[in-house]
PDB file of N, CA and C in Angstrom:
ATOM      1  N   MET A   1      66.489 143.116  72.881  1.00  0.00           N
ATOM      2  CA  MET A   1      65.103 142.905  73.862  1.00  0.00           C
ATOM      3  C   MET A   1      64.604 141.678  74.623  1.00  0.00           C
ATOM      4  N   ALA A   2      63.706 141.926  75.581  1.00  0.00           N
ATOM      5  CA  ALA A   2      63.858 141.605  76.361  1.00  0.00           C
ATOM      6  C   ALA A   2      62.304 140.137  76.313  1.00  0.00           C
ATOM      7  N   LEU A   3      62.223 139.337  75.955  1.00  0.00           N
ATOM      8  CA  LEU A   3      60.959 138.670  75.831  1.00  0.00           C
ATOM      9  C   LEU A   3      59.967 138.341  77.123  1.00  0.00           C
ATOM     10  N   ASP A   4      58.700 137.973  76.760  1.00  0.00           N
ATOM     11  CA  ASP A   4      57.744 138.596  78.097  1.00  0.00           C
ATOM     12  C   ASP A   4      57.482 137.504  79.021  1.00  0.00           C
ATOM     13  N   PRO A   5      58.268 136.387  80.017  1.00  0.00           N
ATOM     14  CA  PRO A   5      58.042 135.533  80.341  1.00  0.00           C
ATOM     15  C   PRO A   5      56.732 135.329  80.573  1.00  0.00           C
ATOM     16  N   ALA A   6      55.637 135.680  80.820  1.00  0.00           N
ATOM     17  CA  ALA A   6      54.012 135.226  80.700  1.00  0.00           C
ATOM     18  C   ALA A   6      54.011 135.087  79.138  1.00  0.00           C
ATOM     19  N   ASP A   7      54.653 135.491  77.701  1.00  0.00           N
ATOM     20  CA  ASP A   7      54.181 135.034  76.641  1.00  0.00           C
ATOM     21  C   ASP A   7      53.707 133.184  76.117  1.00  0.00           C
ATOM     22  N   GLN A   8      52.513 133.194  75.647  1.00  0.00           N
ATOM     23  CA  GLN A   8      52.097 131.753  75.672  1.00  0.00           C
ATOM     24  C   GLN A   8      52.262 131.604  74.005  1.00  0.00           C
ATOM     25  N   HIS A   9      53.223 132.783  73.491  1.00  0.00           N
ATOM     26  CA  HIS A   9      53.056 131.883  71.684  1.00  0.00           C
ATOM     27  C   HIS A   9      54.167 131.187  71.453  1.00  0.00           C
ATOM     28  N   LEU A  10      54.517 129.724  71.300  1.00  0.00           N
ATOM     29  CA  LEU A  10      55.094 128.575  70.926  1.00  0.00           C
ATOM     30  C   LEU A  10      55.658 128.913  69.045  1.00  0.00           C
ATOM     31  N   ARG A  11      57.106 128.571  69.784  1.00  0.00           N
ATOM     32  CA  ARG A  11      57.951 129.057  67.886  1.00  0.00           C
ATOM     33  C   ARG A  11      57.265 126.974  67.662  1.00  0.00           C
ATOM     34  N   HIS A  12      57.877 127.077  66.122  1.00  0.00           N
ATOM     35  CA  HIS A  12      57.753 125.624  65.510  1.00  0.00           C
ATOM     36  C   HIS A  12      58.593 125.016  66.531  1.00  0.00           C
ATOM     37  N   VAL A  13      59.906 125.111  66.730  1.00  0.00           N
ATOM     38  CA  VAL A  13      60.686 124.039  67.121  1.00  0.00           C
ATOM     39  C   VAL A  13      60.266 123.481  68.896  1.00  0.00           C
ATOM     40  N   GLU A  14      59.542 124.580  69.613  1.00  0.00           N
ATOM     41  CA  GLU A  14      58.658 124.048  70.639  1.00  0.00           C
ATOM     42  C   GLU A  14      57.820 123.395  70.604  1.00  0.00           C
ATOM     43  N   LYS A  15      56.597 123.261  69.341  1.00  0.00           N
ATOM     44  CA  LYS A  15      55.502 122.401  69.058  1.00  0.00           C
ATOM     45  C   LYS A  15      56.007 121.160  68.769  1.00  0.00           C
ATOM     46  N   ASP A  16      57.140 121.388  67.955  1.00  0.00           N
ATOM     47  CA  ASP A  16      57.306 119.793  67.220  1.00  0.00           C
ATOM     48  C   ASP A  16      58.142 119.314  67.481  1.00  0.00           C
ATOM     49  N   VAL A  17      59.029 119.856  68.604  1.00  0.00           N
ATOM     50  CA  VAL A  17      60.694 119.337  69.218  1.00  0.00           C
ATOM     51  C   VAL A  17      60.238 119.109  70.529  1.00  0.00           C
ATOM     52  N   LEU A  18      60.214 119.888  71.409  1.00  0.00           N
ATOM     53  CA  LEU A  18      60.531 120.399  72.706  1.00  0.00           C
ATOM     54  C   LEU A  18      59.183 119.431  73.707  1.00  0.00           C
ATOM     55  N   ILE A  19      58.380 119.876  73.122  1.00  0.00           N
ATOM     56  CA  ILE A  19      57.213 119.565  73.949  1.00  0.00           C
ATOM     57  C   ILE A  19      56.601 118.129  73.551  1.00  0.00           C
ATOM     58  N   PRO A  20      57.006 117.242  71.963  1.00  0.00           N
ATOM     59  CA  PRO A  20      56.859 116.029  71.912  1.00  0.00           C
ATOM     60  C   PRO A  20      57.834 115.325  72.608  1.00  0.00           C
ATOM     61  N   LYS A  21      59.163 115.385  72.965  1.00  0.00           N
ATOM     62  CA  LYS A  21      60.093 115.103  74.000  1.00  0.00           C
ATOM     63  C   LYS A  21      59.416 114.880  75.327  1.00  0.00           C
ATOM     64  N   ILE A  22      58.841 116.082  76.036  1.00  0.00           N
ATOM     65  CA  ILE A  22      58.341 116.202  77.582  1.00  0.00           C
ATOM     66  C   ILE A  22      57.317 115.024  77.375  1.00  0.00           C
ATOM     67  N   MET A  23      56.819 115.017  76.255  1.00  0.00           N
ATOM     68  CA  MET A  23      55.150 113.832  76.283  1.00  0.00           C
ATOM     69  C   MET A  23      56.319 112.660  76.093  1.00  0.00           C
ATOM     70  N   ARG A  24      56.904 112.305  75.547  1.00  0.00           N
ATOM     71  CA  ARG A  24      57.846 110.783  75.154  1.00  0.00           C
ATOM     72  C   ARG A  24      58.256 110.654  76.545  1.00  0.00           C
ATOM     73  N   GLU A  25      59.090 111.495  77.475  1.00  0.00           N
ATOM     74  CA  GLU A  25      59.737 111.271  78.770  1.00  0.00           C
ATOM     75  C   GLU A  25      58.150 111.277  79.955  1.00  0.00           C
ATOM     76  N   LYS A  26      57.309 111.118  80.070  1.00  0.00           N
ATOM     77  CA  LYS A  26      55.728 111.349  80.679  1.00  0.00           C
ATOM     78  C   LYS A  26      55.507 110.052  80.609  1.00  0.00           C
ATOM     79  N   ALA A  27      55.111 109.907  78.816  1.00  0.00           N
ATOM     80  CA  ALA A  27      54.562 108.621  78.560  1.00  0.00           C
ATOM     81  C   ALA A  27      55.335 107.194  78.932  1.00  0.00           C
ATOM     82  N   ARG A  28      56.798 107.357  78.570  1.00  0.00           N
ATOM     83  CA  ARG A  28      57.160 106.247  79.481  1.00  0.00           C
ATOM     84  C   ARG A  28      57.345 105.850  81.030  1.00  0.00           C
ATOM     85  N   GLU A  29      57.204 107.493  81.275  1.00  0.00           N
ATOM     86  CA  GLU A  29      56.982 107.234  83.008  1.00  0.00           C
ATOM     87  C   GLU A  29      55.771 106.392  83.083  1.00  0.00           C
ATOM     88  N   ARG A  30      54.572 106.960  82.943  1.00  0.00           N
ATOM     89  CA  ARG A  30      53.661 106.101  82.820  1.00  0.00           C
ATOM     90  C   ARG A  30      53.317 105.138  82.128  1.00  0.00           C
ATOM     91  N   CYS A  31      53.726 104.285  81.419  1.00  0.00           N
ATOM     92  CA  CYS A  31      53.759 102.913  81.037  1.00  0.00           C
ATOM     93  C   CYS A  31      55.267 102.479  81.430  1.00  0.00           C
ATOM     94  N   SER A  32      55.677 102.595  82.943  1.00  0.00           N
ATOM     95  CA  SER A  32      56.765 101.974  82.965  1.00  0.00           C
ATOM     96  C   SER A  32      56.184 100.714  83.314  1.00  0.00           C
ATOM     97  N   GLU A  33      55.419 100.149  83.026  1.00  0.00           N
ATOM     98  CA  GLU A  33      54.964  98.422  83.910  1.00  0.00           C
ATOM     99  C   GLU A  33      55.347  97.946  82.165  1.00  0.00           C
ATOM    100  N   GLN A  34      54.914  98.635  81.193  1.00  0.00           N
ATOM    101  CA  GLN A  34      54.886  98.148  80.115  1.00  0.00           C
ATOM    102  C   GLN A  34      56.397  98.101  79.197  1.00  0.00           C
ATOM    103  N   VAL A  35      57.387  99.381  79.687  1.00  0.00           N
ATOM    104  CA  VAL A  35      58.387  99.566  79.508  1.00  0.00           C
ATOM    105  C   VAL A  35      59.645  97.917  80.158  1.00  0.00           C
ATOM    106  N   GLN A  36      59.169  97.987  81.357  1.00  0.00           N
ATOM    107  CA  GLN A  36      60.245  96.983  82.327  1.00  0.00           C
ATOM    108  C   GLN A  36      59.537  95.489  81.543  1.00  0.00           C
ATOM    109  N   ASP A  37      58.189  95.077  81.363  1.00  0.00           N
ATOM    110  CA  ASP A  37      57.843  94.284  80.320  1.00  0.00           C
ATOM    111  C   ASP A  37      58.818  93.574  79.190  1.00  0.00           C
ATOM    112  N   PHE A  38      58.388  94.730  78.400  1.00  0.00           N
ATOM    113  CA  PHE A  38      59.329  94.645  77.160  1.00  0.00           C
ATOM    114  C   PHE A  38      60.693  94.340  77.606  1.00  0.00           C
ATOM    115  N   THR A  39      61.316  95.193  78.104  1.00  0.00           N
ATOM    116  CA  THR A  39      63.167  95.448  78.541  1.00  0.00           C
ATOM    117  C   THR A  39      63.178  93.723  79.074  1.00  0.00           C
ATOM    118  N   ARG A  40      62.625  93.326  80.050  1.00  0.00           N
ATOM    119  CA  ARG A  40      62.577  91.867  80.448  1.00  0.00           C
ATOM    120  C   ARG A  40      62.933  91.228  79.241  1.00  0.00           C
ATOM    121  N   CYS A  41      61.591  90.811  78.559  1.00  0.00           N
ATOM    122  CA  CYS A  41      61.963  89.895  77.327  1.00  0.00           C
ATOM    123  C   CYS A  41      62.806  89.926  76.330  1.00  0.00           C
ATOM    124  N   CYS A  42      63.544  91.405  76.468  1.00  0.00           N
ATOM    125  CA  CYS A  42      64.288  91.551  75.459  1.00  0.00           C
ATOM    126  C   CYS A  42      65.754  90.692  75.556  1.00  0.00           C
ATOM    127  N   LYS A  43      65.894  91.308  77.143  1.00  0.00           N
ATOM    128  CA  LYS A  43      67.405  90.172  77.842  1.00  0.00           C
ATOM    129  C   LYS A  43      66.680  89.197  77.749  1.00  0.00           C
ATOM    130  N   ASP A  44      65.393  88.752  78.163  1.00  0.00           N
ATOM    131  CA  ASP A  44      65.470  87.442  78.129  1.00  0.00           C
ATOM    132  C   ASP A  44      65.711  86.670  77.043  1.00  0.00           C
ATOM    133  N   SER A  45      65.147  87.257  75.907  1.00  0.00           N
ATOM    134  CA  SER A  45      65.341  86.871  74.258  1.00  0.00           C
ATOM    135  C   SER A  45      66.284  86.456  73.703  1.00  0.00           C
ATOM    136  N   GLY A  46      67.411  87.673  73.848  1.00  0.00           N
ATOM    137  CA  GLY A  46      68.852  87.789  73.238  1.00  0.00           C
ATOM    138  C   GLY A  46      68.359  88.208  71.183  1.00  0.00           C
ATOM    139  N   ILE A  47      68.981  87.160  70.991  1.00  0.00           N
ATOM    140  CA  ILE A  47      68.501  87.870  69.318  1.00  0.00           C
ATOM    141  C   ILE A  47      67.163  87.274  68.599  1.00  0.00           C
ATOM    142  N   LEU A  48      66.659  86.355  69.277  1.00  0.00           N
ATOM    143  CA  LEU A  48      65.358  86.153  69.039  1.00  0.00           C
ATOM    144  C   LEU A  48      63.696  87.014  69.308  1.00  0.00           C
ATOM    145  N   MET A  49      64.382  88.501  70.172  1.00  0.00           N
ATOM    146  CA  MET A  49      63.564  89.165  70.910  1.00  0.00           C
ATOM    147  C   MET A  49      62.921  89.736  69.962  1.00  0.00           C
ATOM    148  N   VAL A  50      62.933  90.417  68.137  1.00  0.00           N
ATOM    149  CA  VAL A  50      62.154  90.417  67.808  1.00  0.00           C
ATOM    150  C   VAL A  50      60.857  89.548  67.345  1.00  0.00           C
ATOM    151  N   VAL A  51      61.146  87.705  67.523  1.00  0.00           N
ATOM    152  CA  VAL A  51      59.870  87.407  67.256  1.00  0.00           C
ATOM    153  C   VAL A  51      59.235  86.914  68.793  1.00  0.00           C
ATOM    154  N   LYS A  52      60.198  86.646  69.889  1.00  0.00           N
ATOM    155  CA  LYS A  52      59.778  86.029  71.073  1.00  0.00           C
ATOM    156  C   LYS A  52      58.629  87.819  71.982  1.00  0.00           C
ATOM    157  N   CYS A  53      59.283  88.768  71.879  1.00  0.00           N
ATOM    158  CA  CYS A  53      58.463  89.754  72.275  1.00  0.00           C
ATOM    159  C   CYS A  53      57.406  90.811  71.809  1.00  0.00           C
ATOM    160  N   ARG A  54      56.751  90.119  70.903  1.00  0.00           N
ATOM    161  CA  ARG A  54      55.847  91.212  70.234  1.00  0.00           C
ATOM    162  C   ARG A  54      54.768  91.578  70.730  1.00  0.00           C
ATOM    163  N   LYS A  55      53.967  90.252  71.754  1.00  0.00           N
ATOM    164  CA  LYS A  55      53.392  90.536  72.501  1.00  0.00           C
ATOM    165  C   LYS A  55      53.573  92.147  72.895  1.00  0.00           C
ATOM    166  N   GLU A  56      54.987  91.719  74.173  1.00  0.00           N
ATOM    167  CA  GLU A  56      55.430  93.016  75.063  1.00  0.00           C
ATOM    168  C   GLU A  56      55.531  94.378  74.132  1.00  0.00           C
ATOM    169  N   ASN A  57      56.152  94.088  72.876  1.00  0.00           N
ATOM    170  CA  ASN A  57      56.527  95.215  72.097  1.00  0.00           C
ATOM    171  C   ASN A  57      54.611  96.141  71.497  1.00  0.00           C
ATOM    172  N   SER A  58      53.846  95.283  71.605  1.00  0.00           N
ATOM    173  CA  SER A  58      52.695  95.775  71.092  1.00  0.00           C
ATOM    174  C   SER A  58      51.871  96.243  72.296  1.00  0.00           C
ATOM    175  N   ALA A  59      51.881  95.833  73.255  1.00  0.00           N
ATOM    176  CA  ALA A  59      51.375  96.612  74.380  1.00  0.00           C
ATOM    177  C   ALA A  59      51.915  97.481  74.836  1.00  0.00           C
ATOM    178  N   LEU A  60      53.269  98.095  75.075  1.00  0.00           N
ATOM    179  CA  LEU A  60      53.826  99.135  75.334  1.00  0.00           C
ATOM    180  C   LEU A  60      53.734 100.219  73.953  1.00  0.00           C
ATOM    181  N   LYS A  61      53.965  99.478  72.657  1.00  0.00           N
ATOM    182  CA  LYS A  61      52.778 100.528  71.625  1.00  0.00           C
ATOM    183  C   LYS A  61      51.898 101.301  72.000  1.00  0.00           C
ATOM    184  N   ASP A  62      50.853 100.306  72.129  1.00  0.00           N
ATOM    185  CA  ASP A  62      49.500 100.897  72.307  1.00  0.00           C
ATOM    186  C   ASP A  62      49.536 102.011  73.567  1.00  0.00           C
ATOM    187  N   CYS A  63      50.262 101.575  74.972  1.00  0.00           N
ATOM    188  CA  CYS A  63      49.922 102.675  75.906  1.00  0.00           C
ATOM    189  C   CYS A  63      50.605 103.564  75.375  1.00  0.00           C
ATOM    190  N   LEU A  64      51.805 104.038  74.563  1.00  0.00           N
ATOM    191  CA  LEU A  64      52.854 105.029  74.316  1.00  0.00           C
ATOM    192  C   LEU A  64      51.531 106.003  72.923  1.00  0.00           C
ATOM    193  N   THR A  65      51.600 105.090  72.574  1.00  0.00           N
ATOM    194  CA  THR A  65      50.054 105.717  71.194  1.00  0.00           C
ATOM    195  C   THR A  65      49.155 106.519  72.408  1.00  0.00           C
ATOM    196  N   ALA A  66      48.368 105.840  73.005  1.00  0.00           N
ATOM    197  CA  ALA A  66      47.326 106.807  73.266  1.00  0.00           C
ATOM    198  C   ALA A  66      47.948 107.860  74.207  1.00  0.00           C
ATOM    199  N   TYR A  67      48.696 107.851  74.700  1.00  0.00           N
ATOM    200  CA  TYR A  67      49.201 108.982  75.589  1.00  0.00           C
ATOM    201  C   TYR A  67      48.852 110.048  74.605  1.00  0.00           C
ATOM    202  N   TYR A  68      50.320 109.969  73.045  1.00  0.00           N
ATOM    203  CA  TYR A  68      50.705 110.785  72.138  1.00  0.00           C
ATOM    204  C   TYR A  68      49.653 111.307  71.830  1.00  0.00           C
ATOM    205  N   ASN A  69      48.209 110.398  71.743  1.00  0.00           N
ATOM    206  CA  ASN A  69      47.273 110.807  71.026  1.00  0.00           C
ATOM    207  C   ASN A  69      46.647 111.652  71.501  1.00  0.00           C
ATOM    208  N   ASP A  70      46.352 111.626  72.723  1.00  0.00           N
ATOM    209  CA  ASP A  70      45.316 112.423  73.827  1.00  0.00           C
ATOM    210  C   ASP A  70      45.674 114.010  74.084  1.00  0.00           C
ATOM    211  N   PRO A  71      44.844 114.665  73.674  1.00  0.00           N
ATOM    212  CA  PRO A  71      44.805 115.969  73.716  1.00  0.00           C
ATOM    213  C   PRO A  71      44.866 116.310  75.014  1.00  0.00           C
ATOM    214  N   ALA A  72      44.455 116.025  76.076  1.00  0.00           N
ATOM    215  CA  ALA A  72      44.677 116.373  76.920  1.00  0.00           C
ATOM    216  C   ALA A  72      45.693 116.295  77.816  1.00  0.00           C
ATOM    217  N   PHE A  73      46.713 115.119  77.307  1.00  0.00           N
ATOM    218  CA  PHE A  73      48.045 115.061  77.669  1.00  0.00           C
ATOM    219  C   PHE A  73      48.894 115.997  77.377  1.00  0.00           C
ATOM    220  N   TYR A  74      48.653 116.066  75.734  1.00  0.00           N
ATOM    221  CA  TYR A  74      49.315 117.004  75.209  1.00  0.00           C
ATOM    222  C   TYR A  74      49.612 118.648  75.753  1.00  0.00           C
ATOM    223  N   GLU A  75      48.047 119.220  76.072  1.00  0.00           N
ATOM    224  CA  GLU A  75      48.151 120.049  76.936  1.00  0.00           C
ATOM    225  C   GLU A  75      48.783 120.431  78.340  1.00  0.00           C
ATOM    226  N   GLU A  76      48.605 119.441  79.087  1.00  0.00           N
ATOM    227  CA  GLU A  76      49.601 118.951  80.339  1.00  0.00           C
ATOM    228  C   GLU A  76      51.081 119.282  80.058  1.00  0.00           C
ATOM    229  N   CYS A  77      51.091 118.800  78.870  1.00  0.00           N
ATOM    230  CA  CYS A  77      53.114 118.706  78.607  1.00  0.00           C
ATOM    231  C   CYS A  77      53.124 120.366  78.310  1.00  0.00           C
ATOM    232  N   LYS A  78      52.182 120.970  77.416  1.00  0.00           N
ATOM    233  CA  LYS A  78      52.362 122.005  76.750  1.00  0.00           C
ATOM    234  C   LYS A  78      52.914 123.199  78.002  1.00  0.00           C
ATOM    235  N   MET A  79      51.686 123.066  79.052  1.00  0.00           N
ATOM    236  CA  MET A  79      51.589 123.808  80.075  1.00  0.00           C
ATOM    237  C   MET A  79      52.541 124.017  80.862  1.00  0.00           C
ATOM    238  N   GLU A  80      52.874 122.144  80.881  1.00  0.00           N
ATOM    239  CA  GLU A  80      54.883 122.465  81.808  1.00  0.00           C
ATOM    240  C   GLU A  80      55.997 122.899  81.072  1.00  0.00           C
ATOM    241  N   TYR A  81      55.876 122.606  80.211  1.00  0.00           N
ATOM    242  CA  TYR A  81      57.037 123.557  79.567  1.00  0.00           C
ATOM    243  C   TYR A  81      56.670 125.140  79.543  1.00  0.00           C
ATOM    244  N   LEU A  82      55.551 125.353  78.785  1.00  0.00           N
ATOM    245  CA  LEU A  82      55.159 126.875  79.354  1.00  0.00           C
ATOM    246  C   LEU A  82      55.840 127.578  80.672  1.00  0.00           C
ATOM    247  N   LYS A  83      55.378 126.626  81.830  1.00  0.00           N
ATOM    248  CA  LYS A  83      56.046 127.025  82.775  1.00  0.00           C
ATOM    249  C   LYS A  83      57.174 127.420  82.926  1.00  0.00           C
ATOM    250  N   GLU A  84      58.311 125.720  82.837  1.00  0.00           N
ATOM    251  CA  GLU A  84      59.354 125.915  82.563  1.00  0.00           C
ATOM    252  C   GLU A  84      60.312 127.013  81.528  1.00  0.00           C
ATOM    253  N   ARG A  85      59.521 127.014  80.727  1.00  0.00           N
ATOM    254  CA  ARG A  85      59.965 128.292  79.950  1.00  0.00           C
ATOM    255  C   ARG A  85      59.791 129.814  80.813  1.00  0.00           C
ATOM    256  N   GLU A  86      58.911 130.144  81.582  1.00  0.00           N
ATOM    257  CA  GLU A  86      58.506 131.154  81.880  1.00  0.00           C
ATOM    258  C   GLU A  86      59.359 131.626  82.731  1.00  0.00           C
ATOM    259  N   GLU A  87      59.608 130.106  83.631  1.00  0.00           N
ATOM    260  CA  GLU A  87      60.742 130.441  84.560  1.00  0.00           C
ATOM    261  C   GLU A  87      62.362 131.096  84.777  1.00  0.00           C
ATOM    262  N   PHE A  88      62.522 129.818  83.283  1.00  0.00           N
ATOM    263  CA  PHE A  88      63.873 130.478  83.213  1.00  0.00           C
ATOM    264  C   PHE A  88      63.862 131.852  82.641  1.00  0.00           C
ATOM    265  N   ARG A  89      63.029 132.313  81.799  1.00  0.00           N
ATOM    266  CA  ARG A  89      62.504 134.116  81.278  1.00  0.00           C
ATOM    267  C   ARG A  89      63.259 134.968  82.004  1.00  0.00           C
ATOM    268  N   LYS A  90      62.557 134.498  83.663  1.00  0.00           N
ATOM    269  CA  LYS A  90      62.400 135.543  84.654  1.00  0.00           C
ATOM    270  C   LYS A  90      64.205 135.236  85.556  1.00  0.00           C
ATOM    271  N   THR A  91      64.078 133.832  85.883  1.00  0.00           N
ATOM    272  CA  THR A  91      65.710 134.005  86.374  1.00  0.00           C
ATOM    273  C   THR A  91      67.146 133.621  85.184  1.00  0.00           C
ATOM    274  N   GLY A  92      67.068 133.500  84.479  1.00  0.00           N
ATOM    275  CA  GLY A  92      67.980 132.713  83.775  1.00  0.00           C
ATOM    276  C   GLY A  92      68.550 131.769  83.812  1.00  0.00           C
ATOM    277  N   ILE A  93      67.712 130.803  84.581  1.00  0.00           N
ATOM    278  CA  ILE A  93      68.599 129.344  84.875  1.00  0.00           C
ATOM    279  C   ILE A  93      67.271 128.448  84.676  1.00  0.00           C
ATOM    280  N   PRO A  94      68.157 127.058  83.651  1.00  0.00           N
ATOM    281  CA  PRO A  94      67.428 126.375  82.944  1.00  0.00           C
ATOM    282  C   PRO A  94      67.023 125.389  84.053  1.00  0.00           C
ATOM    283  N   ALA A  95      66.384 124.913  83.752  1.00  0.00           N
ATOM    284  CA  ALA A  95      65.709 123.901  84.645  1.00  0.00           C
ATOM    285  C   ALA A  95      66.596 122.547  85.283  1.00  0.00           C
ATOM    286  N   LYS A  96      67.042 122.244  84.680  1.00  0.00           N
ATOM    287  CA  LYS A  96      68.039 121.291  84.712  1.00  0.00           C
ATOM    288  C   LYS A  96      68.914 121.840  86.271  1.00  0.00           C
ATOM    289  N   LYS A  97      69.523 123.055  85.945  1.00  0.00           N
ATOM    290  CA  LYS A  97      70.189 123.580  86.987  1.00  0.00           C
ATOM    291  C   LYS A  97      69.490 124.036  88.043  1.00  0.00           C
ATOM    292  N   ARG A  98      68.420 124.526  88.458  1.00  0.00           N
ATOM    293  CA  ARG A  98      67.372 124.613  89.300  1.00  0.00           C
ATOM    294  C   ARG A  98      66.934 123.986  90.060  1.00  0.00           C
ATOM    295  N   LEU A  99      66.518 122.755  89.505  1.00  0.00           N
ATOM    296  CA  LEU A  99      66.002 121.553  90.120  1.00  0.00           C
ATOM    297  C   LEU A  99      67.588 120.825  90.798  1.00  0.00           C
ATOM    298  N   GLN A 100      68.715 120.896  90.841  1.00  0.00           N
ATOM    299  CA  GLN A 100      69.973 120.230  91.401  1.00  0.00           C
ATOM    300  C   GLN A 100      69.880 120.832  92.609  1.00  0.00           C
ATOM    301  N   LYS A 101      70.512 119.629  93.151  1.00  0.00           N
ATOM    302  CA  LYS A 101      70.197 119.787  94.793  1.00  0.00           C
ATOM    303  C   LYS A 101      71.395 120.234  95.019  1.00  0.00           C
ATOM    304  N   LEU A 102      71.701 120.610  96.046  1.00  0.00           N
ATOM    305  CA  LEU A 102      73.484 121.141  97.280  1.00  0.00           C
ATOM    306  C   LEU A 102      73.574 120.270  97.498  1.00  0.00           C
ATOM    307  N   PRO A 103      74.813 119.719  97.377  1.00  0.00           N
ATOM    308  CA  PRO A 103      75.690 118.912  97.814  1.00  0.00           C
ATOM    309  C   PRO A 103      75.583 119.123  99.490  1.00  0.00           C
ATOM    310  N   THR A 104      75.455 117.647  99.725  1.00  0.00           N
ATOM    311  CA  THR A 104      75.407 117.701 101.249  1.00  0.00           C
ATOM    312  C   THR A 104      76.689 118.059 101.899  1.00  0.00           C
ATOM    313  N   SER A 105      77.913 118.192 101.677  1.00  0.00           N
ATOM    314  CA  SER A 105      78.997 118.550 102.314  1.00  0.00           C
ATOM    315  C   SER A 105      79.069 120.242 102.488  1.00  0.00           C
ATOM    316  N   ILE A 106      78.059 121.184 102.043  1.00  0.00           N
ATOM    317  CA  ILE A 106      77.849 122.467 102.329  1.00  0.00           C
ATOM    318  C   ILE A 106      77.466 122.525 103.391  1.00  0.00           C
ATOM    319  N   VAL A 107      78.098 123.273 104.289  1.00  0.00           N
ATOM    320  CA  VAL A 107      77.965 123.718 106.019  1.00  0.00           C
ATOM    321  C   VAL A 107      77.303 125.542 105.763  1.00  0.00           C
ATOM    322  N   CYS A 108      75.889 125.704 106.385  1.00  0.00           N
ATOM    323  CA  CYS A 108      75.714 126.937 106.268  1.00  0.00           C
ATOM    324  C   CYS A 108      76.226 127.630 107.799  1.00  0.00           C
ATOM    325  N   PHE A 109      76.208 128.799 107.686  1.00  0.00           N
ATOM    326  CA  PHE A 109      77.130 129.683 108.683  1.00  0.00           C
ATOM    327  C   PHE A 109      76.597 130.849 108.952  1.00  0.00           C
ATOM    328  N   SER A 110      76.028 131.032 110.022  1.00  0.00           N
ATOM    329  CA  SER A 110      75.555 132.360 110.079  1.00  0.00           C
ATOM    330  C   SER A 110      76.675 133.993 110.400  1.00  0.00           C
ATOM    331  N   GLU A 111      75.805 134.955 110.307  1.00  0.00           N
ATOM    332  CA  GLU A 111      76.975 136.009 110.401  1.00  0.00           C
ATOM    333  C   GLU A 111      77.833 135.813 111.477  1.00  0.00           C
ATOM    334  N   ASP A 112      77.150 136.161 112.413  1.00  0.00           N
ATOM    335  CA  ASP A 112      77.953 136.176 113.521  1.00  0.00           C
ATOM    336  C   ASP A 112      79.057 134.963 114.173  1.00  0.00           C
ATOM    337  N   GLN A 113      78.880 133.480 113.591  1.00  0.00           N
ATOM    338  CA  GLN A 113      79.861 132.668 113.375  1.00  0.00           C
ATOM    339  C   GLN A 113      80.948 132.911 112.946  1.00  0.00           C
ATOM    340  N   LEU A 114      80.996 133.470 111.820  1.00  0.00           N
ATOM    341  CA  LEU A 114      82.275 134.114 110.732  1.00  0.00           C
ATOM    342  C   LEU A 114      82.908 135.121 111.182  1.00  0.00           C
ATOM    343  N   LEU A 115      82.317 135.551 112.194  1.00  0.00           N
ATOM    344  CA  LEU A 115      83.178 136.696 112.833  1.00  0.00           C
ATOM    345  C   LEU A 115      84.295 136.071 113.696  1.00  0.00           C
TER     346      LEU A 115
END
């Protein structure tokens, strides 16, 4: 039985695992300044990072939590997931493979050049 590509119903694993994964990835991108600050602090502090990087850690958690608790952000990520799932159901090709670029060494020929 083929699945309807336009179906909007979400399974539990999609709601509880896959969409939150997209949310984490997008939130880390949007909080990149705080991620960089925290990473820099950890590298500079070594073993003492737990004590020395509290401010940076707190700023990072605040930024990420703001996104995680935003219903509009959840809807944005859900719609992105549904769009990817719909495309997969139509083509059978996962998004990662569709988005891969062709190697630059591939040369295209027209039919008359091949004869």
